[in-house]
Amino acid sequence: MVFRIEALPAKYGDCLFLTFGNGGDRPTRILVDGGPPGVFNASLKIRLRKEQQAFPDEVPLKLDAVMVSHIDQDHIHGIIQLLDAMRDADEQNVPRPYKPIWLLHNGFDAILGDGEGTAARDVGGPASLASFGGPGPFALATEPDPVAAAVLQSYNEALKLGSLASFLQVTRNPPDQSLLTGDRAPMSIGDATLRILGPLDEQIEEFRIEWHEKLGPAGAGPAALAQYLDDSIPNLASIVALLDRDGTTVLLTGDARGDVIIKACDKAGLIKNGKLKVDVLKVPHHGSDRDLETSFFEIIEAKHYIISANGHFGNPDRASLEMLEQGTGNRKINVYLTVAAQDCDIQHEAWRSNKTIKYDPAIHAITPIIQRWQRGNRITVSNGVPIQIDF
């Protein structure tokens, strides 16, 4: 059976579905992220229904690993809806539609090393757990700072994910539910190996010291704490992992910063003679230029580059595509956009309509770059069509 990587339409988020043979009567299935609101019903549920139709005797449909690479809503929301569907089936006394074997996920408090609710209290949210179906357990007691509100929204969803997983008895972070870090032993999933590369233990320790000694409740205020979490957690909580099946490799990067990814790969001994060669690279953080440099694409060489974004938040940035083009030199590569460049530009312009820096096609538009690539023969572009990479 082929090794298939699918990037489902996920708006401004991520949703990858990987399948490959395991020598049995069904494929091994790995789901990486579930996208923001709307993606589960529009994309993920439909793809899983096709899988159910292909294997009608497999009830519930087994998902060998479900990985939430980062707790932001654009990664986690669809996974919560998947677990919600399982809980709803229990309440209706019908078979569950899905059966995740493993849930791989790092939460805020796992990073902090504290009890549940610590980070939320520090940024101004009272810790009162709500029921699964109720509102989020954490809310700001005063007029919300925008960043703090966004952090708490992600935090609420992370807590709900953990609560649902416990309620449904889904195994988290096997074998001992501990934090997923680069020091973990590789995990076998079917006939593939998943190696966690990041976050690094040393980075987590630095973060904990900074939080407890310098930014704790006695120091910075809630807004400053929330801003620090917003800046730091994507790089620390975001899981970076290498999936290897018979020498075919996929580098999963979540929202981690490029230099953090390079450091994690280097510590794992994967960079040889200044290079790491993989078959598929999920371009980090939806192609945001805040997290990338040309050197990232010079060091990590892939044959296939997946960019999951729709123009919201400005992603993928034009500068990131220019970095990718320059960093890959003269190599022939394949680039996959989950949303067509023209539609990304339209969404980018709409997003900037209330920003200080307005949309300027000469600076921000990615369509001219994609069209130039399409006219050449070095970079093959999949521009907003269904993404399926087979090995």
Protein backbone atom coordinates (compact mmCIF):
# COMPACT_ATOMS: atom_id res chain seq x y z
CA MET A 1 0.00 0.00 0.00
CA VAL A 2 1.26 3.47 -0.89
CA PHE A 3 2.36 6.05 1.63
CA ARG A 4 -0.09 8.91 1.07
CA ILE A 5 0.07 12.43 2.50
CA GLU A 6 -3.03 14.58 2.12
CA ALA A 7 -3.26 18.24 3.07
CA LEU A 8 -6.95 18.93 3.53
CA PRO A 9 -8.41 22.40 2.91
CA ALA A 10 -8.03 23.97 6.36
CA LYS A 11 -8.59 27.71 5.78
CA TYR A 12 -5.88 29.49 7.81
CA GLY A 13 -4.97 26.35 9.79
CA ASP A 14 -3.46 22.90 9.35
CA CYS A 15 -5.04 19.49 8.74
CA LEU A 16 -2.94 16.62 7.39
CA PHE A 17 -4.09 13.04 6.89
CA LEU A 18 -1.45 10.37 6.36
CA THR A 19 -2.11 6.73 5.45
CA PHE A 20 0.12 3.77 4.69
CA GLY A 21 0.03 -0.02 4.73
CA ASN A 22 0.74 -1.91 7.93
CA GLY A 23 0.60 -5.46 6.63
CA GLY A 24 -2.95 -5.90 7.93
CA ASP A 25 -6.44 -5.46 6.55
CA ARG A 26 -6.51 -1.70 7.04
CA PRO A 27 -4.04 1.15 6.58
CA THR A 28 -2.26 2.92 9.38
CA ARG A 29 -3.79 6.37 9.78
CA ILE A 30 -2.24 9.49 11.28
CA LEU A 31 -4.16 12.74 11.64
CA VAL A 32 -2.11 15.88 12.25
CA ASP A 33 -4.24 18.83 13.41
CA GLY A 34 -7.88 19.51 12.67
CA GLY A 35 -7.98 23.11 11.49
CA PRO A 36 -10.06 26.04 12.80
CA PRO A 37 -13.87 26.24 13.09
CA GLY A 38 -15.61 25.06 9.93
CA VAL A 39 -12.87 22.71 8.75
CA PHE A 40 -14.12 19.57 10.48
CA ASN A 41 -17.51 19.64 8.74
CA ALA A 42 -16.26 21.00 5.41
CA SER A 43 -13.12 18.88 5.00
CA LEU A 44 -12.05 16.46 7.71
CA LYS A 45 -15.39 14.77 8.38
CA ILE A 46 -15.89 14.27 4.65
CA ARG A 47 -12.44 12.71 4.23
CA LEU A 48 -13.03 10.40 7.20
CA ARG A 49 -16.41 9.42 5.77
CA LYS A 50 -14.67 8.31 2.56
CA GLU A 51 -12.34 6.20 4.69
CA GLN A 52 -15.34 4.70 6.48
CA GLN A 53 -16.94 3.86 3.14
CA ALA A 54 -13.73 2.19 1.98
CA PHE A 55 -13.62 0.07 5.16
CA PRO A 56 -17.31 -0.46 6.06
CA ASP A 57 -16.60 -3.30 8.49
CA GLU A 58 -14.25 -1.16 10.57
CA VAL A 59 -16.49 0.40 13.20
CA PRO A 60 -15.31 2.63 14.73
CA LEU A 61 -12.73 3.91 12.26
CA LYS A 62 -9.32 3.62 13.88
CA LEU A 63 -6.91 6.55 13.88
CA ASP A 64 -3.56 5.21 15.03
CA ALA A 65 -2.31 8.63 16.10
CA VAL A 66 -3.95 12.04 16.33
CA MET A 67 -1.39 14.77 16.81
CA VAL A 68 -2.22 18.32 17.82
CA SER A 69 0.99 20.10 16.95
CA HIS A 70 -0.02 23.34 18.63
CA ILE A 71 -2.90 24.51 20.82
CA ASP A 72 -3.96 27.49 18.74
CA GLN A 73 -7.53 27.29 17.47
CA ASP A 74 -6.41 26.82 13.86
CA HIS A 75 -4.89 23.47 14.80
CA ILE A 76 -6.99 22.15 17.66
CA HIS A 77 -10.63 22.98 16.95
CA GLY A 78 -11.32 20.22 14.43
CA ILE A 79 -9.82 17.62 16.77
CA ILE A 80 -12.16 18.76 19.54
CA GLN A 81 -15.09 18.33 17.15
CA LEU A 82 -13.88 14.84 16.30
CA LEU A 83 -13.85 13.92 20.00
CA ASP A 84 -17.20 15.66 20.45
CA ALA A 85 -18.66 13.36 17.78
CA MET A 86 -17.44 10.37 19.78
CA ARG A 87 -18.99 11.70 22.98
CA ASP A 88 -22.26 12.45 21.17
CA ALA A 89 -22.37 8.86 19.93
CA ASP A 90 -22.02 7.63 23.51
CA GLU A 91 -24.90 9.84 24.62
CA GLN A 92 -27.06 8.52 21.77
CA ASN A 93 -26.05 4.93 22.56
CA VAL A 94 -24.73 4.31 19.05
CA PRO A 95 -21.26 3.12 17.98
CA ARG A 96 -18.56 5.73 18.06
CA PRO A 97 -17.59 6.89 14.55
CA TYR A 98 -13.86 7.12 15.34
CA LYS A 99 -11.33 5.50 17.63
CA PRO A 100 -8.11 7.46 18.15
CA ILE A 101 -5.50 5.07 19.54
CA TRP A 102 -3.08 7.80 20.63
CA LEU A 103 -3.47 11.53 21.19
CA LEU A 104 -0.16 13.39 20.94
CA HIS A 105 -0.36 16.88 22.40
CA ASN A 106 1.50 19.35 24.64
CA GLY A 107 -0.60 21.81 26.63
CA PHE A 108 0.21 25.09 28.38
CA ASP A 109 0.51 23.66 31.86
CA ALA A 110 2.52 20.67 30.69
CA ILE A 111 5.05 23.19 29.40
CA LEU A 112 4.93 25.20 32.63
CA GLY A 113 5.16 22.09 34.77
CA ASP A 114 2.36 23.35 37.01
CA GLY A 115 -1.13 22.27 37.89
CA GLU A 116 -4.09 22.75 35.61
CA GLY A 117 -5.13 26.37 35.29
CA THR A 118 -1.91 28.08 36.37
CA ALA A 119 -1.20 29.99 33.18
CA ALA A 120 -4.81 31.09 32.82
CA ARG A 121 -4.94 32.47 36.34
CA ASP A 122 -1.71 34.38 35.77
CA VAL A 123 -3.09 36.12 32.69
CA GLY A 124 -6.29 37.06 34.49
CA GLY A 125 -8.62 34.11 34.13
CA PRO A 126 -10.34 32.53 37.13
CA ALA A 127 -9.99 28.77 37.19
CA SER A 128 -13.49 27.34 37.33
CA LEU A 129 -13.96 24.24 35.21
CA ALA A 130 -17.09 24.11 33.10
CA SER A 131 -18.91 21.11 31.71
CA PHE A 132 -17.88 19.71 28.35
CA GLY A 133 -20.77 21.37 26.57
CA GLY A 134 -20.61 24.68 28.40
CA PRO A 135 -18.55 27.79 27.86
CA GLY A 136 -14.80 27.74 28.26
CA PRO A 137 -13.58 27.41 31.84
CA PHE A 138 -11.39 30.50 31.75
CA ALA A 139 -12.49 34.06 31.10
CA LEU A 140 -10.96 37.43 31.82
CA ALA A 141 -12.37 39.10 34.91
CA THR A 142 -11.85 42.58 33.47
CA GLU A 143 -12.13 44.19 30.04
CA PRO A 144 -10.16 41.75 27.86
CA ASP A 145 -6.78 42.61 26.47
CA PRO A 146 -6.94 41.29 22.86
CA VAL A 147 -3.84 39.15 23.18
CA ALA A 148 -4.87 37.82 26.58
CA ALA A 149 -8.32 36.98 25.20
CA ALA A 150 -6.78 35.06 22.29
CA VAL A 151 -4.44 33.18 24.59
CA LEU A 152 -7.30 32.22 26.91
CA GLN A 153 -9.41 31.07 23.97
CA SER A 154 -6.65 28.68 22.94
CA TYR A 155 -6.19 27.69 26.57
CA ASN A 156 -9.87 26.86 26.97
CA GLU A 157 -9.81 24.64 23.91
CA ALA A 158 -6.67 22.87 25.11
CA LEU A 159 -8.37 22.12 28.42
CA LYS A 160 -11.46 20.83 26.66
CA LEU A 161 -9.31 18.59 24.47
CA GLY A 162 -7.67 17.09 27.54
CA SER A 163 -10.99 16.64 29.34
CA LEU A 164 -12.59 14.93 26.35
CA ALA A 165 -9.61 12.64 25.86
CA SER A 166 -9.78 11.58 29.50
CA PHE A 167 -13.54 11.10 29.39
CA LEU A 168 -13.30 9.01 26.20
CA GLN A 169 -10.28 7.09 27.55
CA VAL A 170 -7.99 8.04 24.68
CA THR A 171 -4.35 7.35 25.51
CA ARG A 172 -2.37 10.59 25.65
CA ASN A 173 1.37 10.88 25.01
CA PRO A 174 2.21 7.21 25.52
CA PRO A 175 3.60 5.47 27.42
CA ASP A 176 3.34 7.74 30.47
CA GLN A 177 1.41 10.88 29.37
CA SER A 178 4.52 12.98 29.88
CA LEU A 179 5.53 16.02 27.85
CA LEU A 180 6.54 15.26 24.27
CA THR A 181 10.10 16.54 23.85
CA GLY A 182 13.15 15.88 21.72
CA ASP A 183 14.57 13.56 24.36
CA ARG A 184 11.84 10.97 23.87
CA ALA A 185 12.57 7.61 22.29
CA PRO A 186 11.10 7.19 18.78
CA MET A 187 7.57 5.77 18.63
CA SER A 188 6.44 3.02 16.27
CA ILE A 189 3.17 3.69 14.47
CA GLY A 190 2.35 0.81 12.16
CA ASP A 191 5.49 0.16 10.15
CA ALA A 192 6.63 3.78 10.48
CA THR A 193 8.66 5.57 13.13
CA LEU A 194 7.68 8.92 14.60
CA ARG A 195 10.56 10.79 16.19
CA ILE A 196 9.76 13.82 18.32
CA LEU A 197 12.42 16.48 17.71
CA GLY A 198 11.00 19.42 19.60
CA PRO A 199 10.36 21.12 21.84
CA LEU A 200 13.77 20.71 23.49
CA ASP A 201 14.01 20.13 27.23
CA GLU A 202 16.53 22.96 27.59
CA GLN A 203 14.16 25.44 25.95
CA ILE A 204 11.32 24.38 28.20
CA GLU A 205 13.50 24.78 31.28
CA GLU A 206 14.53 28.28 30.18
CA PHE A 207 10.89 29.16 29.67
CA ARG A 208 9.90 27.83 33.11
CA ILE A 209 12.62 29.84 34.81
CA GLU A 210 11.62 32.99 32.93
CA TRP A 211 7.96 32.47 33.79
CA HIS A 212 8.32 31.64 37.47
CA GLU A 213 11.17 33.97 38.41
CA LYS A 214 10.67 37.00 36.19
CA LEU A 215 7.14 37.01 34.78
CA GLY A 216 5.08 35.41 37.52
CA PRO A 217 2.08 37.00 39.25
CA ALA A 218 4.33 39.15 41.42
CA GLY A 219 5.96 40.67 38.35
CA ALA A 220 4.39 41.46 35.01
CA GLY A 221 0.69 42.15 34.65
CA PRO A 222 -1.83 39.92 32.87
CA ALA A 223 -1.48 41.63 29.49
CA ALA A 224 2.31 41.31 29.54
CA LEU A 225 2.07 37.68 30.61
CA ALA A 226 -0.38 36.93 27.83
CA GLN A 227 1.87 38.61 25.28
CA TYR A 228 4.80 36.54 26.52
CA LEU A 229 2.75 33.36 26.20
CA ASP A 230 1.58 34.37 22.73
CA ASP A 231 5.18 34.95 21.63
CA SER A 232 6.71 31.92 23.36
CA ILE A 233 4.23 29.08 23.37
CA PRO A 234 4.11 28.56 19.56
CA ASN A 235 7.79 27.67 19.61
CA LEU A 236 7.69 25.69 22.86
CA ALA A 237 4.37 23.88 22.69
CA SER A 238 4.53 23.26 18.95
CA ILE A 239 5.56 19.68 18.30
CA VAL A 240 8.24 19.16 15.67
CA ALA A 241 8.44 15.55 14.49
CA LEU A 242 9.97 13.41 11.77
CA LEU A 243 7.89 10.55 10.38
CA ASP A 244 9.94 7.88 8.61
CA ARG A 245 8.48 4.96 6.71
CA ASP A 246 11.00 2.81 4.89
CA GLY A 247 13.20 5.84 4.23
CA THR A 248 10.38 8.13 3.09
CA THR A 249 10.39 11.08 5.47
CA VAL A 250 7.93 13.81 6.42
CA LEU A 251 9.03 16.72 8.62
CA LEU A 252 6.08 18.03 10.64
CA THR A 253 6.73 21.51 12.00
CA GLY A 254 3.52 22.96 13.44
CA ASP A 255 3.97 26.65 14.23
CA ALA A 256 7.57 26.35 15.40
CA ARG A 257 10.06 29.03 14.37
CA GLY A 258 12.55 28.06 11.70
CA ASP A 259 15.66 28.45 13.83
CA VAL A 260 14.05 26.39 16.61
CA ILE A 261 13.36 23.61 14.10
CA ILE A 262 16.96 23.70 12.85
CA LYS A 263 18.28 23.53 16.40
CA ALA A 264 16.05 20.56 17.22
CA CYS A 265 17.08 18.71 14.06
CA ASP A 266 20.74 19.41 14.73
CA LYS A 267 20.54 18.17 18.32
CA ALA A 268 18.92 14.98 17.03
CA GLY A 269 21.92 14.44 14.75
CA LEU A 270 19.83 14.69 11.60
CA ILE A 271 21.80 17.49 9.94
CA LYS A 272 24.76 16.06 8.04
CA ASN A 273 27.28 18.31 6.30
CA GLY A 274 24.98 21.24 6.94
CA LYS A 275 21.92 19.62 5.34
CA LEU A 276 18.83 17.66 6.29
CA LYS A 277 17.12 16.00 3.34
CA VAL A 278 13.48 14.98 3.66
CA ASP A 279 10.81 14.03 1.18
CA VAL A 280 8.03 16.28 2.50
CA LEU A 281 8.25 19.48 4.54
CA LYS A 282 5.19 21.06 6.08
CA VAL A 283 6.30 24.70 5.86
CA PRO A 284 6.11 26.05 9.42
CA HIS A 285 3.52 28.52 10.68
CA HIS A 286 1.56 28.67 7.43
CA GLY A 287 4.44 30.37 5.63
CA SER A 288 4.72 33.36 7.97
CA ASP A 289 7.84 35.40 7.29
CA ARG A 290 8.13 36.12 11.02
CA ASP A 291 9.34 32.56 11.51
CA LEU A 292 11.47 31.89 8.44
CA GLU A 293 14.78 32.84 6.90
CA THR A 294 16.34 31.85 3.59
CA SER A 295 18.86 29.71 5.48
CA PHE A 296 16.03 27.49 6.73
CA PHE A 297 15.34 26.34 3.17
CA GLU A 298 19.06 26.04 2.46
CA ILE A 299 19.57 23.66 5.38
CA ILE A 300 16.37 21.61 5.13
CA GLU A 301 16.06 20.26 1.60
CA ALA A 302 12.72 18.74 0.61
CA LYS A 303 11.22 17.48 -2.60
CA HIS A 304 7.70 18.53 -1.62
CA TYR A 305 6.70 21.69 0.31
CA ILE A 306 3.18 21.98 1.77
CA ILE A 307 1.88 25.46 2.66
CA SER A 308 -1.43 25.43 4.50
CA ALA A 309 -2.91 28.95 4.58
CA ASN A 310 -5.59 31.10 2.98
CA GLY A 311 -4.25 34.66 3.24
CA HIS A 312 -5.72 35.39 6.66
CA PHE A 313 -3.10 36.91 8.96
CA GLY A 314 -1.16 37.58 5.75
CA ASN A 315 -0.05 33.96 5.35
CA PRO A 316 1.69 32.79 3.30
CA ASP A 317 3.80 35.92 3.15
CA ARG A 318 5.27 36.89 -0.17
CA ALA A 319 8.67 37.19 1.50
CA SER A 320 8.45 33.55 2.62
CA LEU A 321 7.89 32.37 -0.95
CA GLU A 322 10.88 34.42 -2.03
CA MET A 323 12.95 32.80 0.73
CA LEU A 324 11.83 29.35 -0.41
CA GLU A 325 12.71 30.15 -4.01
CA GLN A 326 16.14 31.49 -3.13
CA GLY A 327 16.93 28.88 -0.49
CA THR A 328 16.19 25.93 -2.78
CA GLY A 329 18.72 27.13 -5.36
CA ASN A 330 18.46 25.28 -8.66
CA ARG A 331 16.76 22.16 -7.30
CA LYS A 332 13.53 21.00 -8.88
CA ILE A 333 10.83 21.02 -6.22
CA ASN A 334 7.08 20.75 -5.77
CA VAL A 335 5.10 23.38 -3.86
CA TYR A 336 1.52 22.79 -2.72
CA LEU A 337 -0.86 25.58 -1.68
CA THR A 338 -4.00 24.41 0.11
CA VAL A 339 -5.76 27.57 -1.11
CA ALA A 340 -5.16 29.15 -4.53
CA ALA A 341 -2.82 32.14 -4.58
CA GLN A 342 -5.50 34.43 -6.00
CA ASP A 343 -7.86 33.57 -3.15
CA CYS A 344 -5.06 34.04 -0.62
CA ASP A 345 -4.45 37.53 -1.97
CA ILE A 346 -8.15 38.41 -1.71
CA GLN A 347 -8.28 37.21 1.89
CA HIS A 348 -5.00 38.96 2.71
CA GLU A 349 -6.36 42.26 1.40
CA ALA A 350 -9.55 41.84 3.44
CA TRP A 351 -7.55 41.04 6.57
CA ARG A 352 -5.46 44.19 6.16
CA SER A 353 -8.50 46.41 5.65
CA ASN A 354 -8.43 47.48 9.31
CA LYS A 355 -4.66 47.34 9.76
CA THR A 356 -2.26 50.28 9.85
CA ILE A 357 -0.30 48.89 6.92
CA LYS A 358 -2.78 48.42 4.09
CA TYR A 359 -2.58 45.77 1.41
CA ASP A 360 -0.26 46.67 -1.45
CA PRO A 361 -0.18 44.16 -4.35
CA ALA A 362 3.37 45.17 -5.19
CA ILE A 363 4.48 44.19 -1.68
CA HIS A 364 2.03 41.54 -0.52
CA ALA A 365 0.54 39.70 -3.52
CA ILE A 366 1.75 36.13 -3.99
CA THR A 367 -0.07 35.49 -7.27
CA PRO A 368 2.73 37.02 -9.40
CA ILE A 369 5.28 34.71 -7.78
CA ILE A 370 3.13 31.62 -8.28
CA GLN A 371 2.44 32.57 -11.89
CA ARG A 372 6.17 33.04 -12.51
CA TRP A 373 6.87 29.63 -11.02
CA GLN A 374 4.19 28.11 -13.23
CA ARG A 375 5.82 29.58 -16.33
CA GLY A 376 9.15 28.00 -15.42
CA ASN A 377 10.16 24.37 -15.12
CA ARG A 378 12.01 24.28 -11.78
CA ILE A 379 9.13 24.71 -9.32
CA THR A 380 5.98 22.70 -9.92
CA VAL A 381 2.99 24.30 -8.21
CA SER A 382 -0.24 22.76 -7.00
CA ASN A 383 -2.32 25.92 -6.67
CA GLY A 384 -5.33 25.30 -4.46
CA VAL A 385 -6.31 21.89 -5.84
CA PRO A 386 -6.69 18.78 -3.63
CA ILE A 387 -3.27 17.84 -2.29
CA GLN A 388 -2.30 14.19 -2.38
CA ILE A 389 1.34 13.11 -2.38
CA ASP A 390 1.96 9.40 -2.96
CA PHE A 391 5.12 7.36 -2.45
